[in-house]
C-alpha atoms as a PDB file:
ATOM      1  CA  MET A   1     -10.608  96.007 -42.022  1.00  0.00           C
ATOM      2  CA  ARG A   2     -10.273  92.679 -43.913  1.00  0.00           C
ATOM      3  CA  VAL A   3      -8.061  89.666 -42.917  1.00  0.00           C
ATOM      4  CA  PRO A   4      -7.485  86.508 -44.971  1.00  0.00           C
ATOM      5  CA  PHE A   5      -9.839  83.673 -44.355  1.00  0.00           C
ATOM      6  CA  ASP A   6      -7.259  81.265 -43.248  1.00  0.00           C
ATOM      7  CA  ASP A   7      -5.884  83.742 -40.612  1.00  0.00           C
ATOM      8  CA  LEU A   8      -9.311  84.212 -39.124  1.00  0.00           C
ATOM      9  CA  HIS A   9      -9.806  80.470 -38.925  1.00  0.00           C
ATOM     10  CA  ARG A  10      -6.307  79.598 -37.546  1.00  0.00           C
ATOM     11  CA  THR A  11      -6.573  82.363 -35.070  1.00  0.00           C
ATOM     12  CA  LEU A  12      -9.888  81.192 -33.518  1.00  0.00           C
ATOM     13  CA  GLU A  13      -8.616  77.529 -33.702  1.00  0.00           C
ATOM     14  CA  ARG A  14      -5.644  78.604 -31.542  1.00  0.00           C
ATOM     15  CA  VAL A  15      -7.996  80.112 -28.931  1.00  0.00           C
ATOM     16  CA  LEU A  16     -10.114  77.088 -28.772  1.00  0.00           C
ATOM     17  CA  LEU A  17      -7.155  74.727 -28.424  1.00  0.00           C
ATOM     18  CA  SER A  18      -6.024  76.856 -25.466  1.00  0.00           C
ATOM     19  CA  LEU A  19      -9.468  76.327 -23.921  1.00  0.00           C
ATOM     20  CA  GLY A  20      -9.067  72.516 -23.971  1.00  0.00           C
ATOM     21  CA  PHE A  21     -10.852  71.488 -27.285  1.00  0.00           C
ATOM     22  CA  GLU A  22      -9.750  68.469 -29.036  1.00  0.00           C
ATOM     23  CA  ALA A  23      -7.757  69.246 -32.257  1.00  0.00           C
ATOM     24  CA  SER A  24     -10.385  68.192 -34.789  1.00  0.00           C
ATOM     25  CA  ARG A  25     -13.264  69.798 -32.790  1.00  0.00           C
ATOM     26  CA  ALA A  26     -11.316  72.999 -32.448  1.00  0.00           C
ATOM     27  CA  GLU A  27     -10.724  73.041 -36.278  1.00  0.00           C
ATOM     28  CA  LEU A  28     -14.413  72.493 -37.146  1.00  0.00           C
ATOM     29  CA  CYS A  29     -15.682  74.880 -34.400  1.00  0.00           C
ATOM     30  CA  ALA A  30     -13.345  77.736 -35.627  1.00  0.00           C
ATOM     31  CA  ARG A  31     -14.150  77.100 -39.239  1.00  0.00           C
ATOM     32  CA  LEU A  32     -17.766  77.385 -38.547  1.00  0.00           C
ATOM     33  CA  PHE A  33     -17.389  80.728 -36.793  1.00  0.00           C
ATOM     34  CA  ALA A  34     -15.036  82.037 -39.535  1.00  0.00           C
ATOM     35  CA  GLU A  35     -17.372  80.950 -42.379  1.00  0.00           C
ATOM     36  CA  THR A  36     -20.205  82.847 -40.686  1.00  0.00           C
ATOM     37  CA  SER A  37     -18.095  85.919 -40.785  1.00  0.00           C
ATOM     38  CA  ARG A  38     -16.791  84.970 -44.319  1.00  0.00           C
ATOM     39  CA  ASP A  39     -20.486  85.067 -45.390  1.00  0.00           C
ATOM     40  CA  GLY A  40     -21.305  88.517 -44.033  1.00  0.00           C
ATOM     41  CA  VAL A  41     -22.765  87.466 -40.495  1.00  0.00           C
ATOM     42  CA  ALA A  42     -20.212  88.754 -38.217  1.00  0.00           C
ATOM     43  CA  SER A  43     -22.702  89.164 -35.454  1.00  0.00           C
ATOM     44  CA  HIS A  44     -22.860  85.373 -35.167  1.00  0.00           C
ATOM     45  CA  GLY A  45     -19.235  84.844 -36.152  1.00  0.00           C
ATOM     46  CA  LEU A  46     -16.287  86.721 -34.960  1.00  0.00           C
ATOM     47  CA  ASN A  47     -18.251  89.280 -33.004  1.00  0.00           C
ATOM     48  CA  ARG A  48     -19.870  86.525 -31.098  1.00  0.00           C
ATOM     49  CA  PHE A  49     -16.744  84.602 -30.378  1.00  0.00           C
ATOM     50  CA  PRO A  50     -15.707  86.463 -27.281  1.00  0.00           C
ATOM     51  CA  ARG A  51     -19.137  85.685 -25.564  1.00  0.00           C
ATOM     52  CA  PHE A  52     -18.633  82.069 -26.556  1.00  0.00           C
ATOM     53  CA  VAL A  53     -15.328  82.127 -24.807  1.00  0.00           C
ATOM     54  CA  GLN A  54     -16.982  83.672 -21.816  1.00  0.00           C
ATOM     55  CA  MET A  55     -19.596  80.919 -21.687  1.00  0.00           C
ATOM     56  CA  ILE A  56     -16.901  78.161 -21.694  1.00  0.00           C
ATOM     57  CA  GLN A  57     -14.902  79.975 -19.055  1.00  0.00           C
ATOM     58  CA  ALA A  58     -18.125  80.136 -17.034  1.00  0.00           C
ATOM     59  CA  GLY A  59     -18.718  76.334 -17.294  1.00  0.00           C
ATOM     60  CA  VAL A  60     -21.998  76.893 -19.411  1.00  0.00           C
ATOM     61  CA  VAL A  61     -20.440  75.188 -22.492  1.00  0.00           C
ATOM     62  CA  ASP A  62     -18.603  71.954 -21.925  1.00  0.00           C
ATOM     63  CA  VAL A  63     -15.848  71.789 -24.529  1.00  0.00           C
ATOM     64  CA  HIS A  64     -15.550  67.970 -24.249  1.00  0.00           C
ATOM     65  CA  ALA A  65     -19.209  67.079 -24.570  1.00  0.00           C
ATOM     66  CA  GLY A  66     -20.673  66.146 -27.903  1.00  0.00           C
ATOM     67  CA  ALA A  67     -24.355  65.182 -28.823  1.00  0.00           C
ATOM     68  CA  GLN A  68     -25.363  61.613 -28.211  1.00  0.00           C
ATOM     69  CA  LEU A  69     -28.300  59.564 -29.593  1.00  0.00           C
ATOM     70  CA  THR A  70     -30.915  58.900 -26.921  1.00  0.00           C
ATOM     71  CA  SER A  71     -33.695  57.062 -28.854  1.00  0.00           C
ATOM     72  CA  SER A  72     -34.839  56.421 -32.439  1.00  0.00           C
ATOM     73  CA  HIS A  73     -37.992  55.587 -34.369  1.00  0.00           C
ATOM     74  CA  GLY A  74     -37.757  54.973 -37.955  1.00  0.00           C
ATOM     75  CA  ALA A  75     -36.549  58.261 -39.633  1.00  0.00           C
ATOM     76  CA  THR A  76     -36.887  60.260 -36.419  1.00  0.00           C
ATOM     77  CA  GLU A  77     -34.362  60.417 -33.659  1.00  0.00           C
ATOM     78  CA  ARG A  78     -33.762  62.240 -30.470  1.00  0.00           C
ATOM     79  CA  TRP A  79     -30.276  63.428 -29.344  1.00  0.00           C
ATOM     80  CA  ASP A  80     -28.908  65.016 -26.200  1.00  0.00           C
ATOM     81  CA  GLY A  81     -26.360  67.819 -26.741  1.00  0.00           C
ATOM     82  CA  ARG A  82     -25.084  67.395 -23.120  1.00  0.00           C
ATOM     83  CA  ARG A  83     -24.453  71.282 -23.173  1.00  0.00           C
ATOM     84  CA  GLY A  84     -21.432  70.888 -25.661  1.00  0.00           C
ATOM     85  CA  PRO A  85     -20.550  73.558 -28.084  1.00  0.00           C
ATOM     86  CA  GLY A  86     -23.836  74.574 -29.999  1.00  0.00           C
ATOM     87  CA  ASN A  87     -22.330  74.778 -33.395  1.00  0.00           C
ATOM     88  CA  LEU A  88     -20.763  71.330 -33.226  1.00  0.00           C
ATOM     89  CA  ASN A  89     -23.938  69.799 -31.853  1.00  0.00           C
ATOM     90  CA  ALA A  90     -25.956  71.344 -34.480  1.00  0.00           C
ATOM     91  CA  HIS A  91     -23.561  70.310 -37.458  1.00  0.00           C
ATOM     92  CA  ARG A  92     -23.458  66.751 -36.074  1.00  0.00           C
ATOM     93  CA  CYS A  93     -27.408  66.550 -35.901  1.00  0.00           C
ATOM     94  CA  MET A  94     -27.748  68.051 -39.421  1.00  0.00           C
ATOM     95  CA  ARG A  95     -25.360  65.371 -40.605  1.00  0.00           C
ATOM     96  CA  GLN A  96     -27.477  62.627 -38.935  1.00  0.00           C
ATOM     97  CA  ALA A  97     -30.644  64.030 -40.505  1.00  0.00           C
ATOM     98  CA  ILE A  98     -28.925  63.927 -43.881  1.00  0.00           C
ATOM     99  CA  ALA A  99     -27.937  60.450 -43.346  1.00  0.00           C
ATOM    100  CA  LEU A 100     -31.526  59.403 -42.282  1.00  0.00           C
ATOM    101  CA  ALA A 101     -32.950  61.160 -45.541  1.00  0.00           C
ATOM    102  CA  ARG A 102     -30.511  59.135 -47.611  1.00  0.00           C
ATOM    103  CA  GLU A 103     -31.945  55.905 -45.963  1.00  0.00           C
ATOM    104  CA  HIS A 104     -35.600  56.889 -45.733  1.00  0.00           C
ATOM    105  CA  GLY A 105     -36.041  59.878 -47.959  1.00  0.00           C
ATOM    106  CA  MET A 106     -36.632  62.206 -45.067  1.00  0.00           C
ATOM    107  CA  GLY A 107     -34.957  62.394 -41.661  1.00  0.00           C
ATOM    108  CA  CYS A 108     -35.622  64.380 -38.568  1.00  0.00           C
ATOM    109  CA  VAL A 109     -33.283  64.770 -35.555  1.00  0.00           C
ATOM    110  CA  ALA A 110     -34.463  66.522 -32.548  1.00  0.00           C
ATOM    111  CA  LEU A 111     -31.866  67.870 -30.064  1.00  0.00           C
ATOM    112  CA  ALA A 112     -32.277  68.688 -26.619  1.00  0.00           C
ATOM    113  CA  ASN A 113     -29.905  70.326 -23.850  1.00  0.00           C
ATOM    114  CA  THR A 114     -27.702  72.161 -26.383  1.00  0.00           C
ATOM    115  CA  ASN A 115     -26.190  75.435 -26.603  1.00  0.00           C
ATOM    116  CA  HIS A 116     -26.559  78.472 -29.009  1.00  0.00           C
ATOM    117  CA  TRP A 117     -25.979  77.255 -32.554  1.00  0.00           C
ATOM    118  CA  MET A 118     -24.479  80.629 -33.703  1.00  0.00           C
ATOM    119  CA  ARG A 119     -25.546  81.213 -37.284  1.00  0.00           C
ATOM    120  CA  GLY A 120     -28.590  78.980 -38.105  1.00  0.00           C
ATOM    121  CA  GLY A 121     -27.979  79.294 -41.731  1.00  0.00           C
ATOM    122  CA  THR A 122     -24.777  77.299 -41.367  1.00  0.00           C
ATOM    123  CA  TYR A 123     -26.777  74.106 -41.345  1.00  0.00           C
ATOM    124  CA  GLY A 124     -29.007  74.983 -44.133  1.00  0.00           C
ATOM    125  CA  TRP A 125     -25.875  75.476 -46.314  1.00  0.00           C
ATOM    126  CA  GLN A 126     -24.557  72.125 -44.912  1.00  0.00           C
ATOM    127  CA  ALA A 127     -27.686  70.259 -45.946  1.00  0.00           C
ATOM    128  CA  ALA A 128     -27.783  72.038 -49.546  1.00  0.00           C
ATOM    129  CA  ASP A 129     -24.189  71.195 -50.004  1.00  0.00           C
ATOM    130  CA  ALA A 130     -25.056  67.536 -49.428  1.00  0.00           C
ATOM    131  CA  GLY A 131     -27.836  67.693 -52.144  1.00  0.00           C
ATOM    132  CA  ALA A 132     -30.576  67.692 -49.604  1.00  0.00           C
ATOM    133  CA  ILE A 133     -33.452  70.109 -48.639  1.00  0.00           C
ATOM    134  CA  GLY A 134     -32.824  71.278 -45.063  1.00  0.00           C
ATOM    135  CA  ILE A 135     -35.263  72.693 -42.543  1.00  0.00           C
ATOM    136  CA  CYS A 136     -34.184  73.494 -38.978  1.00  0.00           C
ATOM    137  CA  TRP A 137     -34.971  75.735 -36.063  1.00  0.00           C
ATOM    138  CA  THR A 138     -33.938  76.565 -32.449  1.00  0.00           C
ATOM    139  CA  ASN A 139     -35.700  77.999 -29.519  1.00  0.00           C
ATOM    140  CA  THR A 140     -34.122  80.715 -27.457  1.00  0.00           C
ATOM    141  CA  LEU A 141     -34.209  82.370 -24.149  1.00  0.00           C
ATOM    142  CA  PRO A 142     -37.392  84.582 -23.708  1.00  0.00           C
ATOM    143  CA  ASN A 143     -36.457  87.717 -25.750  1.00  0.00           C
ATOM    144  CA  MET A 144     -39.636  88.706 -27.591  1.00  0.00           C
ATOM    145  CA  PRO A 145     -42.937  89.898 -26.184  1.00  0.00           C
ATOM    146  CA  PRO A 146     -46.073  88.105 -27.449  1.00  0.00           C
ATOM    147  CA  TRP A 147     -48.370  90.351 -29.639  1.00  0.00           C
ATOM    148  CA  GLY A 148     -50.256  92.630 -27.167  1.00  0.00           C
ATOM    149  CA  SER A 149     -47.819  92.457 -24.355  1.00  0.00           C
ATOM    150  CA  SER A 150     -44.451  94.092 -23.345  1.00  0.00           C
ATOM    151  CA  GLN A 151     -43.234  91.126 -21.335  1.00  0.00           C
ATOM    152  CA  PRO A 152     -40.626  88.978 -23.196  1.00  0.00           C
ATOM    153  CA  ARG A 153     -42.066  85.468 -23.137  1.00  0.00           C
ATOM    154  CA  LEU A 154     -41.360  84.273 -26.513  1.00  0.00           C
ATOM    155  CA  GLY A 155     -38.025  83.369 -28.195  1.00  0.00           C
ATOM    156  CA  ASN A 156     -37.085  85.040 -31.526  1.00  0.00           C
ATOM    157  CA  ASN A 157     -36.534  81.465 -32.682  1.00  0.00           C
ATOM    158  CA  PRO A 158     -34.203  81.364 -35.794  1.00  0.00           C
ATOM    159  CA  PHE A 159     -35.773  79.385 -38.639  1.00  0.00           C
ATOM    160  CA  VAL A 160     -33.827  78.111 -41.763  1.00  0.00           C
ATOM    161  CA  ILE A 161     -34.912  76.533 -45.026  1.00  0.00           C
ATOM    162  CA  ALA A 162     -32.516  75.594 -47.710  1.00  0.00           C
ATOM    163  CA  VAL A 163     -32.979  74.154 -51.131  1.00  0.00           C
ATOM    164  CA  PRO A 164     -29.783  72.798 -53.212  1.00  0.00           C
ATOM    165  CA  ARG A 165     -29.238  74.369 -56.567  1.00  0.00           C
ATOM    166  CA  PRO A 166     -26.130  73.800 -58.674  1.00  0.00           C
ATOM    167  CA  ALA A 167     -25.907  77.522 -59.720  1.00  0.00           C
ATOM    168  CA  GLY A 168     -26.166  78.474 -56.004  1.00  0.00           C
ATOM    169  CA  HIS A 169     -28.257  77.219 -53.162  1.00  0.00           C
ATOM    170  CA  LEU A 170     -31.241  78.931 -51.944  1.00  0.00           C
ATOM    171  CA  VAL A 171     -30.963  79.464 -48.216  1.00  0.00           C
ATOM    172  CA  LEU A 172     -33.457  81.389 -45.960  1.00  0.00           C
ATOM    173  CA  ASP A 173     -32.015  82.249 -42.598  1.00  0.00           C
ATOM    174  CA  MET A 174     -34.180  84.388 -40.499  1.00  0.00           C
ATOM    175  CA  SER A 175     -35.049  85.112 -36.839  1.00  0.00           C
ATOM    176  CA  LEU A 176     -38.811  85.591 -35.823  1.00  0.00           C
ATOM    177  CA  SER A 177     -38.018  89.102 -34.811  1.00  0.00           C
ATOM    178  CA  GLN A 178     -37.679  91.752 -37.579  1.00  0.00           C
ATOM    179  CA  PHE A 179     -34.001  91.854 -36.599  1.00  0.00           C
ATOM    180  CA  SER A 180     -32.009  89.478 -34.546  1.00  0.00           C
ATOM    181  CA  PHE A 181     -30.193  90.651 -31.492  1.00  0.00           C
ATOM    182  CA  GLY A 182     -27.033  90.177 -33.084  1.00  0.00           C
ATOM    183  CA  ALA A 183     -28.262  92.518 -36.060  1.00  0.00           C
ATOM    184  CA  LEU A 184     -29.250  95.132 -33.585  1.00  0.00           C
ATOM    185  CA  GLU A 185     -25.836  94.895 -32.001  1.00  0.00           C
ATOM    186  CA  SER A 186     -24.067  95.346 -35.259  1.00  0.00           C
ATOM    187  CA  TYR A 187     -26.283  98.332 -36.303  1.00  0.00           C
ATOM    188  CA  ARG A 188     -25.621 100.037 -32.883  1.00  0.00           C
ATOM    189  CA  ARG A 189     -21.903  99.451 -33.115  1.00  0.00           C
ATOM    190  CA  ARG A 190     -21.896 101.091 -36.605  1.00  0.00           C
ATOM    191  CA  GLY A 191     -24.046 104.012 -35.477  1.00  0.00           C
ATOM    192  CA  GLU A 192     -26.600 103.229 -38.209  1.00  0.00           C
ATOM    193  CA  ALA A 193     -30.260 103.495 -38.097  1.00  0.00           C
ATOM    194  CA  LEU A 194     -32.231 100.217 -38.954  1.00  0.00           C
ATOM    195  CA  PRO A 195     -33.559 100.182 -42.612  1.00  0.00           C
ATOM    196  CA  VAL A 196     -37.130  99.738 -41.255  1.00  0.00           C
ATOM    197  CA  THR A 197     -38.677  99.733 -37.855  1.00  0.00           C
ATOM    198  CA  GLY A 198     -37.394  96.839 -35.511  1.00  0.00           C
ATOM    199  CA  GLY A 199     -39.117  97.215 -32.276  1.00  0.00           C
ATOM    200  CA  PHE A 200     -40.337  99.562 -29.662  1.00  0.00           C
ATOM    201  CA  ASP A 201     -38.462 102.116 -27.503  1.00  0.00           C
ATOM    202  CA  ALA A 202     -39.063 102.588 -23.648  1.00  0.00           C
ATOM    203  CA  ALA A 203     -42.113 104.663 -24.181  1.00  0.00           C
ATOM    204  CA  GLY A 204     -43.672 101.975 -26.440  1.00  0.00           C
ATOM    205  CA  GLU A 205     -43.100 103.758 -29.761  1.00  0.00           C
ATOM    206  CA  LEU A 206     -41.952 101.928 -32.935  1.00  0.00           C
ATOM    207  CA  THR A 207     -38.339 102.896 -33.667  1.00  0.00           C
ATOM    208  CA  ARG A 208     -35.403 102.239 -36.045  1.00  0.00           C
ATOM    209  CA  ASP A 209     -33.012 102.940 -33.234  1.00  0.00           C
ATOM    210  CA  ALA A 210     -31.227  99.665 -32.454  1.00  0.00           C
ATOM    211  CA  ALA A 211     -29.952 100.903 -29.047  1.00  0.00           C
ATOM    212  CA  ALA A 212     -33.321 101.938 -27.984  1.00  0.00           C
ATOM    213  CA  ILE A 213     -34.846  98.464 -28.873  1.00  0.00           C
ATOM    214  CA  GLU A 214     -31.979  96.753 -27.045  1.00  0.00           C
ATOM    215  CA  SER A 215     -32.737  98.830 -23.961  1.00  0.00           C
ATOM    216  CA  SER A 216     -36.495  98.327 -24.031  1.00  0.00           C
ATOM    217  CA  GLY A 217     -36.160  94.546 -24.939  1.00  0.00           C
ATOM    218  CA  ARG A 218     -39.216  94.876 -27.256  1.00  0.00           C
ATOM    219  CA  VAL A 219     -38.188  93.529 -30.682  1.00  0.00           C
ATOM    220  CA  LEU A 220     -40.888  93.581 -33.201  1.00  0.00           C
ATOM    221  CA  PRO A 221     -41.947  90.129 -34.505  1.00  0.00           C
ATOM    222  CA  ILE A 222     -41.965  89.504 -38.227  1.00  0.00           C
ATOM    223  CA  GLY A 223     -45.518  89.866 -39.497  1.00  0.00           C
ATOM    224  CA  TYR A 224     -46.555  91.209 -36.140  1.00  0.00           C
ATOM    225  CA  TRP A 225     -48.921  88.628 -34.589  1.00  0.00           C
ATOM    226  CA  LYS A 226     -48.216  86.144 -37.252  1.00  0.00           C
ATOM    227  CA  GLY A 227     -44.518  86.051 -36.244  1.00  0.00           C
ATOM    228  CA  ALA A 228     -45.426  85.772 -32.544  1.00  0.00           C
ATOM    229  CA  GLY A 229     -47.597  82.812 -33.338  1.00  0.00           C
ATOM    230  CA  LEU A 230     -45.085  81.067 -35.439  1.00  0.00           C
ATOM    231  CA  SER A 231     -42.565  81.568 -32.585  1.00  0.00           C
ATOM    232  CA  LEU A 232     -44.813  79.835 -30.253  1.00  0.00           C
ATOM    233  CA  MET A 233     -45.517  76.955 -32.386  1.00  0.00           C
ATOM    234  CA  LEU A 234     -41.914  76.165 -33.272  1.00  0.00           C
ATOM    235  CA  ASP A 235     -40.937  76.320 -29.678  1.00  0.00           C
ATOM    236  CA  ILE A 236     -43.747  73.846 -28.739  1.00  0.00           C
ATOM    237  CA  ILE A 237     -42.598  71.364 -31.581  1.00  0.00           C
ATOM    238  CA  ALA A 238     -38.937  71.668 -30.555  1.00  0.00           C
ATOM    239  CA  ALA A 239     -39.526  71.015 -26.930  1.00  0.00           C
ATOM    240  CA  VAL A 240     -42.012  68.018 -27.644  1.00  0.00           C
ATOM    241  CA  LEU A 241     -39.840  66.288 -30.174  1.00  0.00           C
ATOM    242  CA  SER A 242     -36.687  66.642 -28.288  1.00  0.00           C
ATOM    243  CA  GLY A 243     -38.076  66.101 -24.821  1.00  0.00           C
ATOM    244  CA  GLY A 244     -35.960  69.322 -23.923  1.00  0.00           C
ATOM    245  CA  ARG A 245     -36.700  72.796 -22.505  1.00  0.00           C
ATOM    246  CA  ALA A 246     -39.379  75.271 -23.812  1.00  0.00           C
ATOM    247  CA  THR A 247     -38.516  78.950 -24.080  1.00  0.00           C
ATOM    248  CA  HIS A 248     -40.166  79.585 -20.677  1.00  0.00           C
ATOM    249  CA  GLU A 249     -37.738  77.153 -18.936  1.00  0.00           C
ATOM    250  CA  ILE A 250     -34.483  78.809 -20.279  1.00  0.00           C
ATOM    251  CA  PRO A 251     -32.673  81.256 -18.169  1.00  0.00           C
ATOM    252  CA  PRO A 252     -33.330  84.857 -19.433  1.00  0.00           C
ATOM    253  CA  ASP A 253     -29.378  85.783 -19.077  1.00  0.00           C
ATOM    254  CA  SER A 254     -27.706  85.799 -22.465  1.00  0.00           C
ATOM    255  CA  LEU A 255     -24.443  84.557 -20.871  1.00  0.00           C
ATOM    256  CA  GLN A 256     -26.418  81.682 -19.332  1.00  0.00           C
ATOM    257  CA  GLU A 257     -28.483  80.707 -22.417  1.00  0.00           C
ATOM    258  CA  THR A 258     -28.076  76.914 -22.312  1.00  0.00           C
ATOM    259  CA  ALA A 259     -30.251  73.708 -22.512  1.00  0.00           C
ATOM    260  CA  LEU A 260     -31.948  74.740 -25.725  1.00  0.00           C
ATOM    261  CA  SER A 261     -34.083  72.697 -28.036  1.00  0.00           C
ATOM    262  CA  GLN A 262     -33.678  72.326 -31.728  1.00  0.00           C
ATOM    263  CA  VAL A 263     -34.874  70.457 -34.741  1.00  0.00           C
ATOM    264  CA  PHE A 264     -33.015  69.357 -37.883  1.00  0.00           C
ATOM    265  CA  ILE A 265     -35.106  68.027 -40.843  1.00  0.00           C
ATOM    266  CA  ALA A 266     -33.437  66.764 -44.221  1.00  0.00           C
ATOM    267  CA  ALA A 267     -35.238  65.601 -47.358  1.00  0.00           C
ATOM    268  CA  ASP A 268     -33.290  63.824 -49.955  1.00  0.00           C
ATOM    269  CA  PHE A 269     -34.518  64.438 -53.520  1.00  0.00           C
ATOM    270  CA  THR A 270     -31.416  65.079 -55.571  1.00  0.00           C
ATOM    271  CA  SER A 271     -30.080  61.362 -55.442  1.00  0.00           C
ATOM    272  CA  ARG A 272     -33.509  60.159 -56.505  1.00  0.00           C
ATOM    273  CA  ASP A 273     -34.262  62.841 -59.156  1.00  0.00           C
ATOM    274  CA  ARG A 274     -32.841  60.709 -61.993  1.00  0.00           C
ATOM    275  CA  ALA A 275     -34.424  62.929 -64.770  1.00  0.00           C
ATOM    276  CA  GLY A 276     -33.400  66.144 -63.151  1.00  0.00           C
ATOM    277  CA  THR A 277     -36.985  67.366 -62.998  1.00  0.00           C
ATOM    278  CA  ALA A 278     -36.781  68.712 -59.411  1.00  0.00           C
ATOM    279  CA  LEU A 279     -33.669  70.688 -60.171  1.00  0.00           C
ATOM    280  CA  SER A 280     -35.255  71.967 -63.256  1.00  0.00           C
ATOM    281  CA  THR A 281     -38.319  73.103 -61.513  1.00  0.00           C
ATOM    282  CA  VAL A 282     -36.139  74.971 -58.883  1.00  0.00           C
ATOM    283  CA  GLU A 283     -34.116  76.624 -61.805  1.00  0.00           C
ATOM    284  CA  LYS A 284     -37.421  77.832 -63.455  1.00  0.00           C
ATOM    285  CA  ILE A 285     -38.695  79.350 -60.357  1.00  0.00           C
ATOM    286  CA  VAL A 286     -35.443  81.280 -59.728  1.00  0.00           C
ATOM    287  CA  GLU A 287     -35.465  82.461 -63.451  1.00  0.00           C
ATOM    288  CA  ASP A 288     -39.003  83.575 -63.056  1.00  0.00           C
ATOM    289  CA  LEU A 289     -38.143  85.561 -59.835  1.00  0.00           C
ATOM    290  CA  HIS A 290     -35.220  87.181 -61.456  1.00  0.00           C
ATOM    291  CA  ALA A 291     -37.483  88.302 -64.181  1.00  0.00           C
ATOM    292  CA  ALA A 292     -39.215  90.570 -61.949  1.00  0.00           C
ATOM    293  CA  GLY A 293     -36.409  93.150 -61.710  1.00  0.00           C
ATOM    294  CA  ASP A 294     -32.686  93.585 -61.461  1.00  0.00           C
ATOM    295  CA  ASP A 295     -32.721  94.196 -57.778  1.00  0.00           C
ATOM    296  CA  VAL A 296     -34.523  90.989 -56.999  1.00  0.00           C
ATOM    297  CA  ARG A 297     -32.550  88.192 -55.180  1.00  0.00           C
ATOM    298  CA  TYR A 298     -33.421  84.881 -53.966  1.00  0.00           C
ATOM    299  CA  PRO A 299     -32.505  83.933 -50.328  1.00  0.00           C
ATOM    300  CA  GLY A 300     -28.893  83.165 -50.126  1.00  0.00           C
ATOM    301  CA  GLU A 301     -27.637  85.078 -53.415  1.00  0.00           C
ATOM    302  CA  ARG A 302     -26.445  87.961 -51.451  1.00  0.00           C
ATOM    303  CA  THR A 303     -24.535  85.571 -49.364  1.00  0.00           C
ATOM    304  CA  LEU A 304     -22.789  83.994 -52.194  1.00  0.00           C
ATOM    305  CA  ALA A 305     -21.654  87.354 -53.424  1.00  0.00           C
ATOM    306  CA  ILE A 306     -20.151  88.419 -50.083  1.00  0.00           C
ATOM    307  CA  ARG A 307     -18.607  85.090 -49.751  1.00  0.00           C
ATOM    308  CA  GLU A 308     -16.733  85.491 -52.980  1.00  0.00           C
ATOM    309  CA  ARG A 309     -15.471  88.945 -52.078  1.00  0.00           C
ATOM    310  CA  SER A 310     -14.321  87.665 -48.591  1.00  0.00           C
ATOM    311  CA  MET A 311     -12.336  84.841 -50.252  1.00  0.00           C
ATOM    312  CA  THR A 312     -10.809  87.390 -52.621  1.00  0.00           C
ATOM    313  CA  LEU A 313     -10.233  90.499 -50.677  1.00  0.00           C
ATOM    314  CA  GLY A 314     -10.328  89.025 -47.104  1.00  0.00           C
ATOM    315  CA  VAL A 315     -13.025  88.752 -44.461  1.00  0.00           C
ATOM    316  CA  GLU A 316     -14.355  91.943 -43.197  1.00  0.00           C
ATOM    317  CA  VAL A 317     -13.955  92.263 -39.506  1.00  0.00           C
ATOM    318  CA  ASP A 318     -14.510  94.610 -36.604  1.00  0.00           C
ATOM    319  CA  GLU A 319     -10.903  95.843 -35.855  1.00  0.00           C
ATOM    320  CA  ASP A 320     -11.513  96.163 -31.963  1.00  0.00           C
ATOM    321  CA  ILE A 321     -12.929  92.419 -31.831  1.00  0.00           C
ATOM    322  CA  TRP A 322     -10.219  91.116 -34.028  1.00  0.00           C
ATOM    323  CA  ASP A 323      -7.506  92.624 -31.896  1.00  0.00           C
ATOM    324  CA  LYS A 324      -9.097  91.157 -28.897  1.00  0.00           C
ATOM    325  CA  VAL A 325      -9.214  87.658 -30.203  1.00  0.00           C
ATOM    326  CA  ARG A 326      -5.690  87.930 -31.463  1.00  0.00           C
ATOM    327  CA  ARG A 327      -4.724  88.697 -27.940  1.00  0.00           C
ATOM    328  CA  MET A 328      -6.546  85.688 -26.718  1.00  0.00           C
ATOM    329  CA  ALA A 329      -4.726  83.618 -29.176  1.00  0.00           C
ATOM    330  CA  ALA A 330      -1.348  84.915 -28.266  1.00  0.00           C
ATOM    331  CA  SER A 331      -1.867  84.756 -24.421  1.00  0.00           C
ATOM    332  CA  GLY A 332      -3.179  81.040 -24.949  1.00  0.00           C
END
């Protein structure tokens, strides 16, 4: 089922207004959710929205709270998210990292005490749209076992790198598990097998069955032990730079996943690239990549194609979830 982007956006906005959001914050928060589904990541867009509402109603997310600066040192700042809406906090902090990059060449904002940021790639696209390189990541609740263990002690800590490009930005958006839990949920709902093994079943066997992996809680780190090690290091850096919680201090209940730590880094090169040499370098790299075969794509290329279809044909939605959200909007 497809719905016009504006209908999706305004329906989500009506729900948020009924929950007490100030008007401009409701508009932006709803737009970030709608854009996520528009770009083909429904698991963190419309499909995630009912859970976001539950967290608001449970008092985990404070709709009135916004991120605030707590300390600064040159191009590096610490902010407190005050347990406000995660996507609004993240958008604000990436905007600040970009502003710092305009002044210093690079900027880093470390955010503590925030909530789930929904699609991490959102803030990579935000940086690239502003002409900046963007790097950001978040820790999560403990949902991934360290290599050699069956106990979830690590987060699958989503990690994003974005590079601006006039013909189409490059945006790598990945969790450190082979599949995010949102992606596992999407495959399970569609009744599809994963394209590659994504974790272990209850018997400890590698499997492509999303439901079996959700049940065991044993997602597979990308690169096996390498992904597990990278998860640990990102968690340490986020907690140390922000002064916030590490993964082992975050409640393991997905509806109580709060007080997360995140890092937003921006590098401003396009405004200083008078001769266009940097952009030319990016373009040559992409051209060489495409020369490897017709099916070869850079990170973000598929997203741009999905976005174009969504804006032309409508955003693809899960009919049951869409009906549920429409009822929320009507009752509000």
